[in-house]
Amino acid sequence: AAISDGLKTNNSLQEIDMSYNEITSEGARYISEAIQINTSLHTLDLDHNSINDRLSFNMTVLSAVHHNHTLQELTLLNVMGDDERQVTSEVDKINNERTRQGISTLTCYWW
């Protein structure tokens, strides 16, 4: 919660690597809340966190990205098969919205 509180108020941080931090599903909710408010972050890496429900984690974060127009690069947890198709579909929706609004598109990775 402390990091997410910092992300909510920090207006100069542009890149943060939160990979390998044992972030939980609850942590994903806190990070998502911060992403919705933060207006300076351009790059966020959340890869390699020990989450059992990777799809839920990724979709929670992506739902917040709909409200954030400054994030340009996002690395999520690895998903495959139907889960990968859902994540791809959500990223496409975000980028379609951004294109219509004239905002830079989101580059999203998961491996």
N, C-alpha and C. Protein backbone atom coordinates (compact mmCIF):
# COMPACT_ATOMS: atom_id res chain seq x y z
N ALA A 1 0.83 -1.19 0.00
CA ALA A 1 0.00 0.00 0.00
C ALA A 1 0.87 1.25 0.00
N ALA A 2 2.03 1.20 0.62
CA ALA A 2 2.90 2.37 0.70
C ALA A 2 3.39 2.79 -0.69
N ILE A 3 3.76 1.83 -1.51
CA ILE A 3 4.23 2.16 -2.86
C ILE A 3 3.09 2.75 -3.68
N SER A 4 1.90 2.17 -3.56
CA SER A 4 0.78 2.70 -4.33
C SER A 4 0.42 4.11 -3.87
N ASP A 5 0.53 4.38 -2.58
CA ASP A 5 0.29 5.74 -2.08
C ASP A 5 1.30 6.71 -2.68
N GLY A 6 2.54 6.27 -2.77
CA GLY A 6 3.58 7.10 -3.38
C GLY A 6 3.31 7.34 -4.86
N LEU A 7 2.84 6.33 -5.57
CA LEU A 7 2.53 6.48 -6.99
C LEU A 7 1.38 7.46 -7.21
N LYS A 8 0.45 7.50 -6.26
CA LYS A 8 -0.69 8.39 -6.39
C LYS A 8 -0.26 9.86 -6.33
N THR A 9 0.77 10.16 -5.55
CA THR A 9 1.14 11.55 -5.32
C THR A 9 2.40 11.98 -6.07
N ASN A 10 3.19 11.04 -6.54
CA ASN A 10 4.45 11.38 -7.21
C ASN A 10 4.15 11.87 -8.63
N ASN A 11 4.65 13.04 -8.97
CA ASN A 11 4.40 13.56 -10.31
C ASN A 11 5.68 13.69 -11.14
N SER A 12 6.74 13.02 -10.71
CA SER A 12 7.98 13.08 -11.48
C SER A 12 8.49 11.69 -11.89
N LEU A 13 8.09 10.65 -11.20
CA LEU A 13 8.54 9.29 -11.53
C LEU A 13 7.96 8.87 -12.87
N GLN A 14 8.83 8.45 -13.78
CA GLN A 14 8.38 8.07 -15.11
C GLN A 14 8.48 6.58 -15.39
N GLU A 15 9.31 5.87 -14.63
CA GLU A 15 9.50 4.44 -14.88
C GLU A 15 9.69 3.73 -13.55
N ILE A 16 9.00 2.58 -13.41
CA ILE A 16 9.18 1.78 -12.20
C ILE A 16 9.14 0.30 -12.56
N ASP A 17 10.09 -0.43 -12.03
CA ASP A 17 10.17 -1.88 -12.23
C ASP A 17 9.77 -2.54 -10.92
N MET A 18 8.60 -3.14 -10.92
CA MET A 18 8.09 -3.81 -9.73
C MET A 18 8.08 -5.33 -9.93
N SER A 19 8.89 -5.81 -10.86
CA SER A 19 8.97 -7.24 -11.09
C SER A 19 9.73 -7.91 -9.93
N TYR A 20 9.48 -9.19 -9.74
CA TYR A 20 10.14 -9.98 -8.69
C TYR A 20 9.90 -9.43 -7.28
N ASN A 21 8.70 -8.93 -7.01
CA ASN A 21 8.40 -8.33 -5.72
C ASN A 21 7.32 -9.06 -4.92
N GLU A 22 6.93 -10.24 -5.36
CA GLU A 22 5.91 -11.01 -4.64
C GLU A 22 4.62 -10.21 -4.45
N ILE A 23 4.26 -9.43 -5.45
CA ILE A 23 3.02 -8.66 -5.39
C ILE A 23 1.84 -9.63 -5.42
N THR A 24 0.88 -9.40 -4.55
CA THR A 24 -0.30 -10.26 -4.44
C THR A 24 -1.46 -9.66 -5.25
N SER A 25 -2.57 -10.39 -5.30
CA SER A 25 -3.78 -9.87 -5.95
C SER A 25 -4.24 -8.58 -5.28
N GLU A 26 -4.12 -8.52 -3.96
CA GLU A 26 -4.47 -7.31 -3.23
C GLU A 26 -3.55 -6.16 -3.64
N GLY A 27 -2.28 -6.48 -3.80
CA GLY A 27 -1.32 -5.48 -4.27
C GLY A 27 -1.67 -4.96 -5.65
N ALA A 28 -2.18 -5.84 -6.51
CA ALA A 28 -2.61 -5.42 -7.85
C ALA A 28 -3.72 -4.39 -7.76
N ARG A 29 -4.62 -4.57 -6.81
CA ARG A 29 -5.71 -3.59 -6.63
C ARG A 29 -5.15 -2.23 -6.21
N TYR A 30 -4.21 -2.24 -5.28
CA TYR A 30 -3.59 -0.98 -4.84
C TYR A 30 -2.86 -0.29 -5.99
N ILE A 31 -2.11 -1.07 -6.75
CA ILE A 31 -1.37 -0.52 -7.88
C ILE A 31 -2.35 0.05 -8.91
N SER A 32 -3.45 -0.66 -9.15
CA SER A 32 -4.46 -0.21 -10.10
C SER A 32 -5.06 1.12 -9.68
N GLU A 33 -5.34 1.27 -8.40
CA GLU A 33 -5.86 2.54 -7.89
C GLU A 33 -4.86 3.67 -8.15
N ALA A 34 -3.59 3.37 -7.93
CA ALA A 34 -2.55 4.39 -8.14
C ALA A 34 -2.40 4.74 -9.61
N ILE A 35 -2.48 3.74 -10.49
CA ILE A 35 -2.35 3.98 -11.92
C ILE A 35 -3.43 4.92 -12.42
N GLN A 36 -4.62 4.79 -11.88
CA GLN A 36 -5.72 5.65 -12.31
C GLN A 36 -5.47 7.12 -11.99
N ILE A 37 -4.69 7.39 -10.96
CA ILE A 37 -4.44 8.75 -10.50
C ILE A 37 -3.14 9.32 -11.03
N ASN A 38 -2.11 8.49 -11.14
CA ASN A 38 -0.78 8.95 -11.53
C ASN A 38 -0.79 9.53 -12.94
N THR A 39 -0.13 10.66 -13.13
CA THR A 39 -0.08 11.30 -14.45
C THR A 39 1.33 11.45 -15.01
N SER A 40 2.31 10.82 -14.37
CA SER A 40 3.68 10.96 -14.86
C SER A 40 4.31 9.65 -15.31
N LEU A 41 3.79 8.53 -14.86
CA LEU A 41 4.39 7.23 -15.13
C LEU A 41 4.23 6.86 -16.62
N HIS A 42 5.35 6.50 -17.25
CA HIS A 42 5.35 6.10 -18.65
C HIS A 42 5.58 4.60 -18.81
N THR A 43 6.35 4.00 -17.89
CA THR A 43 6.73 2.59 -18.01
C THR A 43 6.53 1.90 -16.67
N LEU A 44 5.84 0.75 -16.70
CA LEU A 44 5.60 -0.04 -15.50
C LEU A 44 5.83 -1.51 -15.81
N ASP A 45 6.68 -2.16 -15.02
CA ASP A 45 6.98 -3.59 -15.19
C ASP A 45 6.49 -4.34 -13.96
N LEU A 46 5.53 -5.25 -14.18
CA LEU A 46 4.95 -6.06 -13.10
C LEU A 46 5.23 -7.54 -13.29
N ASP A 47 6.13 -7.89 -14.19
CA ASP A 47 6.40 -9.28 -14.52
C ASP A 47 7.02 -10.03 -13.34
N HIS A 48 6.93 -11.35 -13.39
CA HIS A 48 7.55 -12.25 -12.42
C HIS A 48 7.12 -12.00 -10.98
N ASN A 49 5.83 -11.87 -10.77
CA ASN A 49 5.27 -11.83 -9.43
C ASN A 49 4.47 -13.10 -9.22
N SER A 50 4.46 -13.61 -8.01
CA SER A 50 3.87 -14.92 -7.72
C SER A 50 2.37 -14.83 -7.50
N ILE A 51 1.64 -14.79 -8.59
CA ILE A 51 0.19 -14.70 -8.55
C ILE A 51 -0.38 -15.99 -9.13
N ASN A 52 -1.30 -16.60 -8.42
CA ASN A 52 -1.94 -17.80 -8.94
C ASN A 52 -2.88 -17.49 -10.10
N ASP A 53 -3.69 -16.44 -9.95
CA ASP A 53 -4.65 -16.08 -11.00
C ASP A 53 -4.07 -14.93 -11.82
N ARG A 54 -3.22 -15.30 -12.75
CA ARG A 54 -2.51 -14.30 -13.55
C ARG A 54 -3.47 -13.47 -14.41
N LEU A 55 -4.50 -14.12 -14.95
CA LEU A 55 -5.44 -13.39 -15.80
C LEU A 55 -6.15 -12.30 -15.00
N SER A 56 -6.61 -12.64 -13.82
CA SER A 56 -7.30 -11.67 -12.98
C SER A 56 -6.38 -10.50 -12.64
N PHE A 57 -5.14 -10.80 -12.28
CA PHE A 57 -4.15 -9.77 -11.98
C PHE A 57 -3.99 -8.83 -13.17
N ASN A 58 -3.75 -9.40 -14.36
CA ASN A 58 -3.53 -8.60 -15.56
C ASN A 58 -4.75 -7.75 -15.90
N MET A 59 -5.93 -8.34 -15.79
CA MET A 59 -7.15 -7.61 -16.15
C MET A 59 -7.44 -6.49 -15.14
N THR A 60 -7.11 -6.70 -13.87
CA THR A 60 -7.26 -5.65 -12.86
C THR A 60 -6.38 -4.46 -13.22
N VAL A 61 -5.15 -4.72 -13.57
CA VAL A 61 -4.22 -3.64 -13.94
C VAL A 61 -4.69 -2.96 -15.23
N LEU A 62 -5.10 -3.75 -16.22
CA LEU A 62 -5.53 -3.17 -17.49
C LEU A 62 -6.79 -2.32 -17.33
N SER A 63 -7.67 -2.70 -16.43
CA SER A 63 -8.88 -1.89 -16.23
C SER A 63 -8.50 -0.49 -15.74
N ALA A 64 -7.46 -0.40 -14.97
CA ALA A 64 -6.99 0.90 -14.48
C ALA A 64 -6.34 1.71 -15.60
N VAL A 65 -5.70 1.03 -16.53
CA VAL A 65 -5.00 1.72 -17.61
C VAL A 65 -5.99 2.47 -18.51
N HIS A 66 -7.24 2.03 -18.55
CA HIS A 66 -8.27 2.76 -19.31
C HIS A 66 -8.37 4.21 -18.84
N HIS A 67 -8.06 4.46 -17.57
CA HIS A 67 -8.17 5.79 -16.99
C HIS A 67 -6.85 6.56 -16.98
N ASN A 68 -5.78 5.91 -17.41
CA ASN A 68 -4.46 6.54 -17.39
C ASN A 68 -4.00 6.76 -18.81
N HIS A 69 -3.76 8.01 -19.18
CA HIS A 69 -3.39 8.31 -20.56
C HIS A 69 -1.91 8.58 -20.73
N THR A 70 -1.13 8.46 -19.66
CA THR A 70 0.31 8.72 -19.78
C THR A 70 1.13 7.44 -19.85
N LEU A 71 0.62 6.33 -19.32
CA LEU A 71 1.36 5.07 -19.35
C LEU A 71 1.49 4.60 -20.80
N GLN A 72 2.72 4.34 -21.22
CA GLN A 72 2.97 3.97 -22.61
C GLN A 72 3.52 2.56 -22.77
N GLU A 73 4.14 2.03 -21.70
CA GLU A 73 4.71 0.69 -21.79
C GLU A 73 4.41 -0.06 -20.50
N LEU A 74 3.85 -1.25 -20.65
CA LEU A 74 3.42 -2.05 -19.51
C LEU A 74 3.84 -3.50 -19.72
N THR A 75 4.50 -4.08 -18.72
CA THR A 75 4.84 -5.50 -18.76
C THR A 75 4.02 -6.19 -17.69
N LEU A 76 3.22 -7.17 -18.14
CA LEU A 76 2.32 -7.92 -17.26
C LEU A 76 2.86 -9.32 -17.01
N LEU A 77 2.09 -10.11 -16.27
CA LEU A 77 2.45 -11.50 -16.02
C LEU A 77 2.20 -12.34 -17.27
N ASN A 78 2.97 -13.38 -17.45
CA ASN A 78 2.84 -14.27 -18.59
C ASN A 78 1.50 -15.00 -18.55
N VAL A 79 0.78 -14.96 -19.67
CA VAL A 79 -0.45 -15.73 -19.83
C VAL A 79 -0.42 -16.40 -21.20
N MET A 80 -1.18 -17.50 -21.33
CA MET A 80 -1.20 -18.24 -22.59
C MET A 80 -2.63 -18.64 -22.93
N GLY A 81 -2.84 -19.07 -24.16
CA GLY A 81 -4.12 -19.61 -24.59
C GLY A 81 -5.25 -18.60 -24.52
N ASP A 82 -6.40 -19.03 -23.98
CA ASP A 82 -7.57 -18.16 -23.88
C ASP A 82 -7.27 -16.92 -23.03
N ASP A 83 -6.47 -17.08 -21.98
CA ASP A 83 -6.12 -15.94 -21.14
C ASP A 83 -5.36 -14.89 -21.96
N GLU A 84 -4.45 -15.36 -22.80
CA GLU A 84 -3.69 -14.43 -23.64
C GLU A 84 -4.62 -13.69 -24.59
N ARG A 85 -5.60 -14.39 -25.15
CA ARG A 85 -6.55 -13.74 -26.06
C ARG A 85 -7.35 -12.66 -25.34
N GLN A 86 -7.72 -12.90 -24.08
CA GLN A 86 -8.46 -11.90 -23.31
C GLN A 86 -7.60 -10.66 -23.05
N VAL A 87 -6.36 -10.87 -22.68
CA VAL A 87 -5.45 -9.75 -22.43
C VAL A 87 -5.23 -8.96 -23.73
N THR A 88 -5.00 -9.66 -24.82
CA THR A 88 -4.81 -9.01 -26.12
C THR A 88 -6.02 -8.18 -26.49
N SER A 89 -7.20 -8.73 -26.29
CA SER A 89 -8.44 -8.02 -26.59
C SER A 89 -8.56 -6.74 -25.77
N GLU A 90 -8.20 -6.82 -24.48
CA GLU A 90 -8.30 -5.64 -23.61
C GLU A 90 -7.29 -4.57 -24.02
N VAL A 91 -6.09 -4.97 -24.37
CA VAL A 91 -5.07 -4.02 -24.83
C VAL A 91 -5.55 -3.36 -26.13
N ASP A 92 -6.16 -4.14 -27.01
CA ASP A 92 -6.70 -3.58 -28.26
C ASP A 92 -7.78 -2.53 -27.96
N LYS A 93 -8.65 -2.81 -27.00
CA LYS A 93 -9.69 -1.84 -26.63
C LYS A 93 -9.07 -0.54 -26.13
N ILE A 94 -8.06 -0.68 -25.27
CA ILE A 94 -7.37 0.51 -24.74
C ILE A 94 -6.77 1.32 -25.88
N ASN A 95 -6.10 0.64 -26.80
CA ASN A 95 -5.44 1.35 -27.89
C ASN A 95 -6.44 1.96 -28.87
N ASN A 96 -7.57 1.31 -29.08
CA ASN A 96 -8.60 1.90 -29.93
C ASN A 96 -9.14 3.18 -29.31
N GLU A 97 -9.37 3.16 -27.99
CA GLU A 97 -9.82 4.36 -27.29
C GLU A 97 -8.78 5.48 -27.41
N ARG A 98 -7.52 5.12 -27.18
CA ARG A 98 -6.44 6.11 -27.23
C ARG A 98 -6.29 6.70 -28.63
N THR A 99 -6.41 5.87 -29.64
CA THR A 99 -6.31 6.35 -31.02
C THR A 99 -7.43 7.34 -31.32
N ARG A 100 -8.65 7.02 -30.91
CA ARG A 100 -9.79 7.93 -31.13
C ARG A 100 -9.57 9.27 -30.42
N GLN A 101 -8.89 9.23 -29.26
CA GLN A 101 -8.67 10.44 -28.48
C GLN A 101 -7.37 11.16 -28.84
N GLY A 102 -6.59 10.59 -29.76
CA GLY A 102 -5.33 11.21 -30.16
C GLY A 102 -4.24 11.08 -29.11
N ILE A 103 -4.30 10.01 -28.32
CA ILE A 103 -3.34 9.76 -27.24
C ILE A 103 -2.40 8.64 -27.67
N SER A 104 -1.15 8.69 -27.22
CA SER A 104 -0.18 7.64 -27.54
C SER A 104 -0.71 6.28 -27.13
N THR A 105 -0.49 5.29 -28.00
CA THR A 105 -0.96 3.94 -27.70
C THR A 105 -0.08 3.27 -26.65
N LEU A 106 -0.60 2.20 -26.08
CA LEU A 106 0.07 1.42 -25.05
C LEU A 106 0.79 0.24 -25.68
N THR A 107 2.07 0.09 -25.36
CA THR A 107 2.80 -1.11 -25.74
C THR A 107 2.78 -2.03 -24.53
N CYS A 108 2.28 -3.23 -24.72
CA CYS A 108 2.10 -4.15 -23.61
C CYS A 108 2.80 -5.47 -23.89
N TYR A 109 3.53 -5.96 -22.90
CA TYR A 109 4.27 -7.22 -23.03
C TYR A 109 3.80 -8.20 -21.96
N TRP A 110 3.81 -9.45 -22.29
CA TRP A 110 3.68 -10.52 -21.31
C TRP A 110 4.40 -11.72 -21.90
N TRP A 111 5.30 -12.26 -21.15
CA TRP A 111 6.08 -13.43 -21.60
C TRP A 111 6.41 -14.33 -20.48
